[in-house]
Amino acid sequence: RDSWSEVVQILEDEGMITMEGDFSTIDHELLDA
């Protein structure tokens, strides 16, 4: 549960959610850093 990205992946693998469109865990505001 510490990683939202991991939770989303687990939920999708379990068929509980469907991701639509582009999905990224990259924080674009901090990408350079």
Full PDB file with SEQRES, HELIX, SHEET, SSBOND, CRYST1, ORIGX, SCALE, CONECT and MASTER records, all heavy atoms in Angstrom:
SEQRES   1 A   33  ARG ASP SER TRP SER GLU VAL VAL GLN ILE LEU GLU ASP          
SEQRES   2 A   33  GLU GLY MET ILE THR MET GLU GLY ASP PHE SER THR ILE          
SEQRES   3 A   33  ASP HIS GLU LEU LEU ASP ALA                                  
HELIX    1 AA1 TRP A    4  ASP A   13  1                                  10    
HELIX    2 AA2 HIS A   28  LEU A   30  5                                   3    
CRYST1    1.000    1.000    1.000  90.00  90.00  90.00 P 1           1          
ORIGX1      1.000000  0.000000  0.000000        0.00000                         
ORIGX2      0.000000  1.000000  0.000000        0.00000                         
ORIGX3      0.000000  0.000000  1.000000        0.00000                         
SCALE1      1.000000  0.000000  0.000000        0.00000                         
SCALE2      0.000000  1.000000  0.000000        0.00000                         
SCALE3      0.000000  0.000000  1.000000        0.00000                         
ATOM      1  N   ARG A   1       0.813  -1.217   0.000  1.00  0.00           N  
ATOM      2  CA  ARG A   1       0.000   0.000   0.000  1.00  0.00           C  
ATOM      3  C   ARG A   1       0.846   1.266   0.000  1.00  0.00           C  
ATOM      4  O   ARG A   1       0.328   2.359  -0.187  1.00  0.00           O  
ATOM      5  CB  ARG A   1      -0.930   0.023   1.213  1.00  0.00           C  
ATOM      6  CG  ARG A   1      -2.071  -0.969   1.104  1.00  0.00           C  
ATOM      7  CD  ARG A   1      -3.008  -0.857   2.270  1.00  0.00           C  
ATOM      8  NE  ARG A   1      -2.465  -1.641   3.376  1.00  0.00           N  
ATOM      9  CZ  ARG A   1      -2.596  -1.326   4.649  1.00  0.00           C  
ATOM     10  NH1 ARG A   1      -3.231  -0.250   5.022  1.00  0.00           N  
ATOM     11  NH2 ARG A   1      -2.075  -2.096   5.579  1.00  0.00           N  
ATOM     12  N   ASP A   2       2.156   1.137   0.210  1.00  0.00           N  
ATOM     13  CA  ASP A   2       3.041   2.301   0.257  1.00  0.00           C  
ATOM     14  C   ASP A   2       3.170   2.989  -1.093  1.00  0.00           C  
ATOM     15  O   ASP A   2       3.485   4.168  -1.154  1.00  0.00           O  
ATOM     16  CB  ASP A   2       4.436   1.899   0.729  1.00  0.00           C  
ATOM     17  CG  ASP A   2       4.473   1.579   2.209  1.00  0.00           C  
ATOM     18  OD1 ASP A   2       3.516   1.928   2.916  1.00  0.00           O  
ATOM     19  OD2 ASP A   2       5.464   0.975   2.655  1.00  0.00           O  
ATOM     20  N   SER A   3       2.962   2.257  -2.170  1.00  0.00           N  
ATOM     21  CA  SER A   3       3.157   2.796  -3.507  1.00  0.00           C  
ATOM     22  C   SER A   3       1.825   2.827  -4.260  1.00  0.00           C  
ATOM     23  O   SER A   3       1.240   1.780  -4.539  1.00  0.00           O  
ATOM     24  CB  SER A   3       4.159   1.933  -4.279  1.00  0.00           C  
ATOM     25  OG  SER A   3       4.131   2.238  -5.651  1.00  0.00           O  
ATOM     26  N   TRP A   4       1.366   4.039  -4.579  1.00  0.00           N  
ATOM     27  CA  TRP A   4       0.116   4.160  -5.328  1.00  0.00           C  
ATOM     28  C   TRP A   4       0.229   3.464  -6.681  1.00  0.00           C  
ATOM     29  O   TRP A   4      -0.705   2.827  -7.145  1.00  0.00           O  
ATOM     30  CB  TRP A   4      -0.256   5.626  -5.495  1.00  0.00           C  
ATOM     31  CG  TRP A   4      -1.516   5.824  -6.271  1.00  0.00           C  
ATOM     32  CD1 TRP A   4      -1.654   6.461  -7.451  1.00  0.00           C  
ATOM     33  CD2 TRP A   4      -2.822   5.358  -5.930  1.00  0.00           C  
ATOM     34  NE1 TRP A   4      -2.956   6.418  -7.867  1.00  0.00           N  
ATOM     35  CE2 TRP A   4      -3.701   5.743  -6.952  1.00  0.00           C  
ATOM     36  CE3 TRP A   4      -3.343   4.624  -4.857  1.00  0.00           C  
ATOM     37  CZ2 TRP A   4      -5.064   5.439  -6.939  1.00  0.00           C  
ATOM     38  CZ3 TRP A   4      -4.700   4.323  -4.846  1.00  0.00           C  
ATOM     39  CH2 TRP A   4      -5.535   4.731  -5.868  1.00  0.00           C  
ATOM     40  N   SER A   5       1.377   3.548  -7.286  1.00  0.00           N  
ATOM     41  CA  SER A   5       1.602   2.891  -8.567  1.00  0.00           C  
ATOM     42  C   SER A   5       1.406   1.380  -8.439  1.00  0.00           C  
ATOM     43  O   SER A   5       0.779   0.742  -9.292  1.00  0.00           O  
ATOM     44  CB  SER A   5       3.013   3.197  -9.073  1.00  0.00           C  
ATOM     45  OG  SER A   5       3.285   2.477 -10.244  1.00  0.00           O  
ATOM     46  N   GLU A   6       1.942   0.804  -7.365  1.00  0.00           N  
ATOM     47  CA  GLU A   6       1.793  -0.632  -7.149  1.00  0.00           C  
ATOM     48  C   GLU A   6       0.341  -0.993  -6.884  1.00  0.00           C  
ATOM     49  O   GLU A   6      -0.170  -1.999  -7.397  1.00  0.00           O  
ATOM     50  CB  GLU A   6       2.683  -1.088  -5.982  1.00  0.00           C  
ATOM     51  CG  GLU A   6       2.686  -2.589  -5.800  1.00  0.00           C  
ATOM     52  CD  GLU A   6       3.698  -3.063  -4.763  1.00  0.00           C  
ATOM     53  OE1 GLU A   6       4.449  -2.244  -4.210  1.00  0.00           O  
ATOM     54  OE2 GLU A   6       3.728  -4.274  -4.512  1.00  0.00           O  
ATOM     55  N   VAL A   7      -0.356  -0.194  -6.085  1.00  0.00           N  
ATOM     56  CA  VAL A   7      -1.772  -0.446  -5.797  1.00  0.00           C  
ATOM     57  C   VAL A   7      -2.583  -0.429  -7.091  1.00  0.00           C  
ATOM     58  O   VAL A   7      -3.405  -1.320  -7.332  1.00  0.00           O  
ATOM     59  CB  VAL A   7      -2.328   0.585  -4.788  1.00  0.00           C  
ATOM     60  CG1 VAL A   7      -3.845   0.494  -4.675  1.00  0.00           C  
ATOM     61  CG2 VAL A   7      -1.683   0.396  -3.422  1.00  0.00           C  
ATOM     62  N   VAL A   8      -2.352   0.567  -7.931  1.00  0.00           N  
ATOM     63  CA  VAL A   8      -3.076   0.665  -9.198  1.00  0.00           C  
ATOM     64  C   VAL A   8      -2.807  -0.570 -10.055  1.00  0.00           C  
ATOM     65  O   VAL A   8      -3.727  -1.142 -10.637  1.00  0.00           O  
ATOM     66  CB  VAL A   8      -2.694   1.965  -9.947  1.00  0.00           C  
ATOM     67  CG1 VAL A   8      -3.207   1.941 -11.380  1.00  0.00           C  
ATOM     68  CG2 VAL A   8      -3.227   3.174  -9.201  1.00  0.00           C  
ATOM     69  N   GLN A   9      -1.553  -1.001 -10.112  1.00  0.00           N  
ATOM     70  CA  GLN A   9      -1.203  -2.178 -10.912  1.00  0.00           C  
ATOM     71  C   GLN A   9      -1.901  -3.429 -10.375  1.00  0.00           C  
ATOM     72  O   GLN A   9      -2.423  -4.243 -11.138  1.00  0.00           O  
ATOM     73  CB  GLN A   9       0.309  -2.386 -10.952  1.00  0.00           C  
ATOM     74  CG  GLN A   9       0.725  -3.498 -11.888  1.00  0.00           C  
ATOM     75  CD  GLN A   9       0.336  -3.197 -13.327  1.00  0.00           C  
ATOM     76  OE1 GLN A   9       0.726  -2.181 -13.867  1.00  0.00           O  
ATOM     77  NE2 GLN A   9      -0.429  -4.085 -13.934  1.00  0.00           N  
ATOM     78  N   ILE A  10      -1.926  -3.585  -9.061  1.00  0.00           N  
ATOM     79  CA  ILE A  10      -2.586  -4.741  -8.450  1.00  0.00           C  
ATOM     80  C   ILE A  10      -4.083  -4.711  -8.755  1.00  0.00           C  
ATOM     81  O   ILE A  10      -4.669  -5.736  -9.134  1.00  0.00           O  
ATOM     82  CB  ILE A  10      -2.337  -4.775  -6.923  1.00  0.00           C  
ATOM     83  CG1 ILE A  10      -0.858  -5.052  -6.640  1.00  0.00           C  
ATOM     84  CG2 ILE A  10      -3.219  -5.813  -6.252  1.00  0.00           C  
ATOM     85  CD1 ILE A  10      -0.455  -4.832  -5.192  1.00  0.00           C  
ATOM     86  N   LEU A  11      -4.704  -3.546  -8.594  1.00  0.00           N  
ATOM     87  CA  LEU A  11      -6.134  -3.430  -8.872  1.00  0.00           C  
ATOM     88  C   LEU A  11      -6.443  -3.772 -10.328  1.00  0.00           C  
ATOM     89  O   LEU A  11      -7.429  -4.450 -10.622  1.00  0.00           O  
ATOM     90  CB  LEU A  11      -6.635  -2.021  -8.541  1.00  0.00           C  
ATOM     91  CG  LEU A  11      -6.670  -1.648  -7.065  1.00  0.00           C  
ATOM     92  CD1 LEU A  11      -7.003  -0.169  -6.908  1.00  0.00           C  
ATOM     93  CD2 LEU A  11      -7.665  -2.506  -6.304  1.00  0.00           C  
ATOM     94  N   GLU A  12      -5.587  -3.327 -11.230  1.00  0.00           N  
ATOM     95  CA  GLU A  12      -5.789  -3.629 -12.642  1.00  0.00           C  
ATOM     96  C   GLU A  12      -5.581  -5.122 -12.904  1.00  0.00           C  
ATOM     97  O   GLU A  12      -6.381  -5.751 -13.606  1.00  0.00           O  
ATOM     98  CB  GLU A  12      -4.849  -2.794 -13.505  1.00  0.00           C  
ATOM     99  CG  GLU A  12      -5.136  -2.941 -14.985  1.00  0.00           C  
ATOM    100  CD  GLU A  12      -4.372  -1.956 -15.827  1.00  0.00           C  
ATOM    101  OE1 GLU A  12      -3.233  -1.587 -15.467  1.00  0.00           O  
ATOM    102  OE2 GLU A  12      -4.907  -1.553 -16.865  1.00  0.00           O  
ATOM    103  N   ASP A  13      -4.552  -5.704 -12.313  1.00  0.00           N  
ATOM    104  CA  ASP A  13      -4.297  -7.136 -12.479  1.00  0.00           C  
ATOM    105  C   ASP A  13      -5.449  -7.979 -11.950  1.00  0.00           C  
ATOM    106  O   ASP A  13      -5.754  -9.040 -12.502  1.00  0.00           O  
ATOM    107  CB  ASP A  13      -3.002  -7.544 -11.767  1.00  0.00           C  
ATOM    108  CG  ASP A  13      -1.752  -6.991 -12.421  1.00  0.00           C  
ATOM    109  OD1 ASP A  13      -1.834  -6.490 -13.571  1.00  0.00           O  
ATOM    110  OD2 ASP A  13      -0.686  -7.034 -11.769  1.00  0.00           O  
ATOM    111  N   GLU A  14      -6.090  -7.508 -10.884  1.00  0.00           N  
ATOM    112  CA  GLU A  14      -7.217  -8.217 -10.282  1.00  0.00           C  
ATOM    113  C   GLU A  14      -8.534  -7.976 -11.029  1.00  0.00           C  
ATOM    114  O   GLU A  14      -9.556  -8.554 -10.683  1.00  0.00           O  
ATOM    115  CB  GLU A  14      -7.387  -7.808  -8.814  1.00  0.00           C  
ATOM    116  CG  GLU A  14      -6.252  -8.263  -7.919  1.00  0.00           C  
ATOM    117  CD  GLU A  14      -6.227  -9.772  -7.720  1.00  0.00           C  
ATOM    118  OE1 GLU A  14      -7.308 -10.374  -7.615  1.00  0.00           O  
ATOM    119  OE2 GLU A  14      -5.118 -10.334  -7.657  1.00  0.00           O  
ATOM    120  N   GLY A  15      -8.500  -7.104 -12.032  1.00  0.00           N  
ATOM    121  CA  GLY A  15      -9.708  -6.813 -12.807  1.00  0.00           C  
ATOM    122  C   GLY A  15     -10.687  -5.892 -12.102  1.00  0.00           C  
ATOM    123  O   GLY A  15     -11.848  -5.794 -12.492  1.00  0.00           O  
ATOM    124  N   MET A  16     -10.218  -5.199 -11.079  1.00  0.00           N  
ATOM    125  CA  MET A  16     -11.091  -4.315 -10.311  1.00  0.00           C  
ATOM    126  C   MET A  16     -11.212  -2.931 -10.943  1.00  0.00           C  
ATOM    127  O   MET A  16     -12.184  -2.229 -10.689  1.00  0.00           O  
ATOM    128  CB  MET A  16     -10.607  -4.212  -8.869  1.00  0.00           C  
ATOM    129  CG  MET A  16     -10.564  -5.569  -8.174  1.00  0.00           C  
ATOM    130  SD  MET A  16     -10.001  -5.464  -6.490  1.00  0.00           S  
ATOM    131  CE  MET A  16     -11.592  -5.505  -5.666  1.00  0.00           C  
ATOM    132  N   ILE A  17     -10.186  -2.546 -11.722  1.00  0.00           N  
ATOM    133  CA  ILE A  17     -10.209  -1.275 -12.438  1.00  0.00           C  
ATOM    134  C   ILE A  17      -9.664  -1.491 -13.841  1.00  0.00           C  
ATOM    135  O   ILE A  17      -8.981  -2.481 -14.104  1.00  0.00           O  
ATOM    136  CB  ILE A  17      -9.371  -0.175 -11.729  1.00  0.00           C  
ATOM    137  CG1 ILE A  17      -7.888  -0.566 -11.682  1.00  0.00           C  
ATOM    138  CG2 ILE A  17      -9.934   0.147 -10.354  1.00  0.00           C  
ATOM    139  CD1 ILE A  17      -6.973   0.557 -11.218  1.00  0.00           C  
ATOM    140  N   THR A  18      -9.961  -0.554 -14.709  1.00  0.00           N  
ATOM    141  CA  THR A  18      -9.386  -0.529 -16.044  1.00  0.00           C  
ATOM    142  C   THR A  18      -8.781   0.847 -16.248  1.00  0.00           C  
ATOM    143  O   THR A  18      -9.451   1.860 -16.043  1.00  0.00           O  
ATOM    144  CB  THR A  18     -10.467  -0.780 -17.118  1.00  0.00           C  
ATOM    145  OG1 THR A  18     -11.054  -2.054 -16.874  1.00  0.00           O  
ATOM    146  CG2 THR A  18      -9.884  -0.742 -18.509  1.00  0.00           C  
ATOM    147  N   MET A  19      -7.507   0.857 -16.612  1.00  0.00           N  
ATOM    148  CA  MET A  19      -6.843   2.122 -16.890  1.00  0.00           C  
ATOM    149  C   MET A  19      -7.149   2.510 -18.332  1.00  0.00           C  
ATOM    150  O   MET A  19      -7.039   1.688 -19.235  1.00  0.00           O  
ATOM    151  CB  MET A  19      -5.338   2.006 -16.677  1.00  0.00           C  
ATOM    152  CG  MET A  19      -4.949   1.702 -15.235  1.00  0.00           C  
ATOM    153  SD  MET A  19      -5.631   2.843 -14.023  1.00  0.00           S  
ATOM    154  CE  MET A  19      -4.854   4.364 -14.505  1.00  0.00           C  
ATOM    155  N   GLU A  20      -7.530   3.747 -18.523  1.00  0.00           N  
ATOM    156  CA  GLU A  20      -7.875   4.249 -19.849  1.00  0.00           C  
ATOM    157  C   GLU A  20      -6.888   5.337 -20.243  1.00  0.00           C  
ATOM    158  O   GLU A  20      -6.509   6.162 -19.419  1.00  0.00           O  
ATOM    159  CB  GLU A  20      -9.297   4.816 -19.846  1.00  0.00           C  
ATOM    160  CG  GLU A  20     -10.335   3.775 -19.476  1.00  0.00           C  
ATOM    161  CD  GLU A  20     -11.708   4.368 -19.257  1.00  0.00           C  
ATOM    162  OE1 GLU A  20     -11.807   5.551 -18.903  1.00  0.00           O  
ATOM    163  OE2 GLU A  20     -12.681   3.622 -19.425  1.00  0.00           O  
ATOM    164  N   GLY A  21      -6.458   5.320 -21.479  1.00  0.00           N  
ATOM    165  CA  GLY A  21      -5.543   6.351 -21.954  1.00  0.00           C  
ATOM    166  C   GLY A  21      -4.162   6.166 -21.375  1.00  0.00           C  
ATOM    167  O   GLY A  21      -3.787   5.105 -20.899  1.00  0.00           O  
ATOM    168  N   ASP A  22      -3.378   7.239 -21.408  1.00  0.00           N  
ATOM    169  CA  ASP A  22      -2.014   7.198 -20.894  1.00  0.00           C  
ATOM    170  C   ASP A  22      -2.029   7.281 -19.382  1.00  0.00           C  
ATOM    171  O   ASP A  22      -2.754   8.079 -18.800  1.00  0.00           O  
ATOM    172  CB  ASP A  22      -1.188   8.357 -21.448  1.00  0.00           C  
ATOM    173  CG  ASP A  22      -0.944   8.231 -22.936  1.00  0.00           C  
ATOM    174  OD1 ASP A  22      -0.988   7.089 -23.445  1.00  0.00           O  
ATOM    175  OD2 ASP A  22      -0.718   9.260 -23.595  1.00  0.00           O  
ATOM    176  N   PHE A  23      -1.212   6.454 -18.764  1.00  0.00           N  
ATOM    177  CA  PHE A  23      -1.088   6.465 -17.314  1.00  0.00           C  
ATOM    178  C   PHE A  23       0.381   6.466 -16.976  1.00  0.00           C  
ATOM    179  O   PHE A  23       1.147   5.664 -17.493  1.00  0.00           O  
ATOM    180  CB  PHE A  23      -1.767   5.245 -16.689  1.00  0.00           C  
ATOM    181  CG  PHE A  23      -1.540   5.131 -15.214  1.00  0.00           C  
ATOM    182  CD1 PHE A  23      -2.192   5.983 -14.341  1.00  0.00           C  
ATOM    183  CD2 PHE A  23      -0.669   4.203 -14.704  1.00  0.00           C  
ATOM    184  CE1 PHE A  23      -1.977   5.893 -12.979  1.00  0.00           C  
ATOM    185  CE2 PHE A  23      -0.448   4.099 -13.339  1.00  0.00           C  
ATOM    186  CZ  PHE A  23      -1.105   4.947 -12.474  1.00  0.00           C  
ATOM    187  N   SER A  24       0.776   7.389 -16.133  1.00  0.00           N  
ATOM    188  CA  SER A  24       2.170   7.473 -15.737  1.00  0.00           C  
ATOM    189  C   SER A  24       2.248   7.894 -14.285  1.00  0.00           C  
ATOM    190  O   SER A  24       1.427   8.673 -13.802  1.00  0.00           O  
ATOM    191  CB  SER A  24       2.895   8.497 -16.604  1.00  0.00           C  
ATOM    192  OG  SER A  24       4.194   8.688 -16.124  1.00  0.00           O  
ATOM    193  N   THR A  25       3.250   7.377 -13.600  1.00  0.00           N  
ATOM    194  CA  THR A  25       3.491   7.805 -12.220  1.00  0.00           C  
ATOM    195  C   THR A  25       4.547   8.890 -12.151  1.00  0.00           C  
ATOM    196  O   THR A  25       4.941   9.299 -11.072  1.00  0.00           O  
ATOM    197  CB  THR A  25       3.937   6.603 -11.359  1.00  0.00           C  
ATOM    198  OG1 THR A  25       5.122   6.062 -11.922  1.00  0.00           O  
ATOM    199  CG2 THR A  25       2.857   5.554 -11.285  1.00  0.00           C  
ATOM    200  N   ILE A  26       4.997   9.360 -13.302  1.00  0.00           N  
ATOM    201  CA  ILE A  26       6.010  10.407 -13.335  1.00  0.00           C  
ATOM    202  C   ILE A  26       5.386  11.742 -12.956  1.00  0.00           C  
ATOM    203  O   ILE A  26       4.346  12.128 -13.481  1.00  0.00           O  
ATOM    204  CB  ILE A  26       6.654  10.508 -14.730  1.00  0.00           C  
ATOM    205  CG1 ILE A  26       7.444   9.234 -15.036  1.00  0.00           C  
ATOM    206  CG2 ILE A  26       7.548  11.742 -14.849  1.00  0.00           C  
ATOM    207  CD1 ILE A  26       7.991   9.180 -16.430  1.00  0.00           C  
ATOM    208  N   ASP A  27       6.015  12.428 -12.037  1.00  0.00           N  
ATOM    209  CA  ASP A  27       5.598  13.770 -11.665  1.00  0.00           C  
ATOM    210  C   ASP A  27       6.282  14.724 -12.644  1.00  0.00           C  
ATOM    211  O   ASP A  27       7.466  15.014 -12.522  1.00  0.00           O  
ATOM    212  CB  ASP A  27       6.021  14.069 -10.232  1.00  0.00           C  
ATOM    213  CG  ASP A  27       5.566  15.422  -9.749  1.00  0.00           C  
ATOM    214  OD1 ASP A  27       5.215  16.283 -10.601  1.00  0.00           O  
ATOM    215  OD2 ASP A  27       5.561  15.638  -8.541  1.00  0.00           O  
ATOM    216  N   HIS A  28       5.544  15.176 -13.644  1.00  0.00           N  
ATOM    217  CA  HIS A  28       6.131  15.977 -14.704  1.00  0.00           C  
ATOM    218  C   HIS A  28       6.713  17.296 -14.204  1.00  0.00           C  
ATOM    219  O   HIS A  28       7.654  17.821 -14.795  1.00  0.00           O  
ATOM    220  CB  HIS A  28       5.113  16.223 -15.821  1.00  0.00           C  
ATOM    221  CG  HIS A  28       4.760  14.965 -16.546  1.00  0.00           C  
ATOM    222  ND1 HIS A  28       5.595  14.366 -17.457  1.00  0.00           N  
ATOM    223  CD2 HIS A  28       3.672  14.161 -16.452  1.00  0.00           C  
ATOM    224  CE1 HIS A  28       5.039  13.263 -17.910  1.00  0.00           C  
ATOM    225  NE2 HIS A  28       3.876  13.107 -17.316  1.00  0.00           N  
ATOM    226  N   GLU A  29       6.191  17.815 -13.092  1.00  0.00           N  
ATOM    227  CA  GLU A  29       6.739  19.051 -12.547  1.00  0.00           C  
ATOM    228  C   GLU A  29       8.131  18.836 -11.962  1.00  0.00           C  
ATOM    229  O   GLU A  29       8.921  19.763 -11.883  1.00  0.00           O  
ATOM    230  CB  GLU A  29       5.807  19.605 -11.468  1.00  0.00           C  
ATOM    231  CG  GLU A  29       4.483  20.088 -12.018  1.00  0.00           C  
ATOM    232  CD  GLU A  29       3.559  20.588 -10.931  1.00  0.00           C  
ATOM    233  OE1 GLU A  29       3.982  20.698  -9.759  1.00  0.00           O  
ATOM    234  OE2 GLU A  29       2.402  20.872 -11.256  1.00  0.00           O  
ATOM    235  N   LEU A  30       8.435  17.605 -11.555  1.00  0.00           N  
ATOM    236  CA  LEU A  30       9.733  17.315 -10.959  1.00  0.00           C  
ATOM    237  C   LEU A  30      10.606  16.446 -11.862  1.00  0.00           C  
ATOM    238  O   LEU A  30      11.634  15.928 -11.423  1.00  0.00           O  
ATOM    239  CB  LEU A  30       9.545  16.613  -9.613  1.00  0.00           C  
ATOM    240  CG  LEU A  30       8.858  17.439  -8.534  1.00  0.00           C  
ATOM    241  CD1 LEU A  30       8.612  16.607  -7.295  1.00  0.00           C  
ATOM    242  CD2 LEU A  30       9.678  18.660  -8.195  1.00  0.00           C  
ATOM    243  N   LEU A  31      10.229  16.307 -13.115  1.00  0.00           N  
ATOM    244  CA  LEU A  31      10.943  15.425 -14.028  1.00  0.00           C  
ATOM    245  C   LEU A  31      12.426  15.778 -14.137  1.00  0.00           C  
ATOM    246  O   LEU A  31      13.287  14.900 -14.059  1.00  0.00           O  
ATOM    247  CB  LEU A  31      10.293  15.438 -15.412  1.00  0.00           C  
ATOM    248  CG  LEU A  31      10.878  14.476 -16.434  1.00  0.00           C  
ATOM    249  CD1 LEU A  31      10.831  13.047 -15.934  1.00  0.00           C  
ATOM    250  CD2 LEU A  31      10.150  14.608 -17.759  1.00  0.00           C  
ATOM    251  N   ASP A  32      12.757  17.044 -14.281  1.00  0.00           N  
ATOM    252  CA  ASP A  32      14.163  17.437 -14.395  1.00  0.00           C  
ATOM    253  C   ASP A  32      14.959  17.035 -13.160  1.00  0.00           C  
ATOM    254  O   ASP A  32      16.076  16.522 -13.263  1.00  0.00           O  
ATOM    255  CB  ASP A  32      14.300  18.940 -14.636  1.00  0.00           C  
ATOM    256  CG  ASP A  32      13.825  19.355 -16.016  1.00  0.00           C  
ATOM    257  OD1 ASP A  32      13.776  18.488 -16.914  1.00  0.00           O  
ATOM    258  OD2 ASP A  32      13.503  20.540 -16.192  1.00  0.00           O  
ATOM    259  N   ALA A  33      14.385  17.240 -11.981  1.00  0.00           N  
ATOM    260  CA  ALA A  33      15.066  16.867 -10.744  1.00  0.00           C  
ATOM    261  C   ALA A  33      15.226  15.352 -10.647  1.00  0.00           C  
ATOM    262  O   ALA A  33      16.261  14.851 -10.199  1.00  0.00           O  
ATOM    263  CB  ALA A  33      14.304  17.395  -9.536  1.00  0.00           C  
TER     264      ALA A  33                                                      
MASTER        0    0    0    2    0    0    0    6  263    1    0    3          
END                                                                             
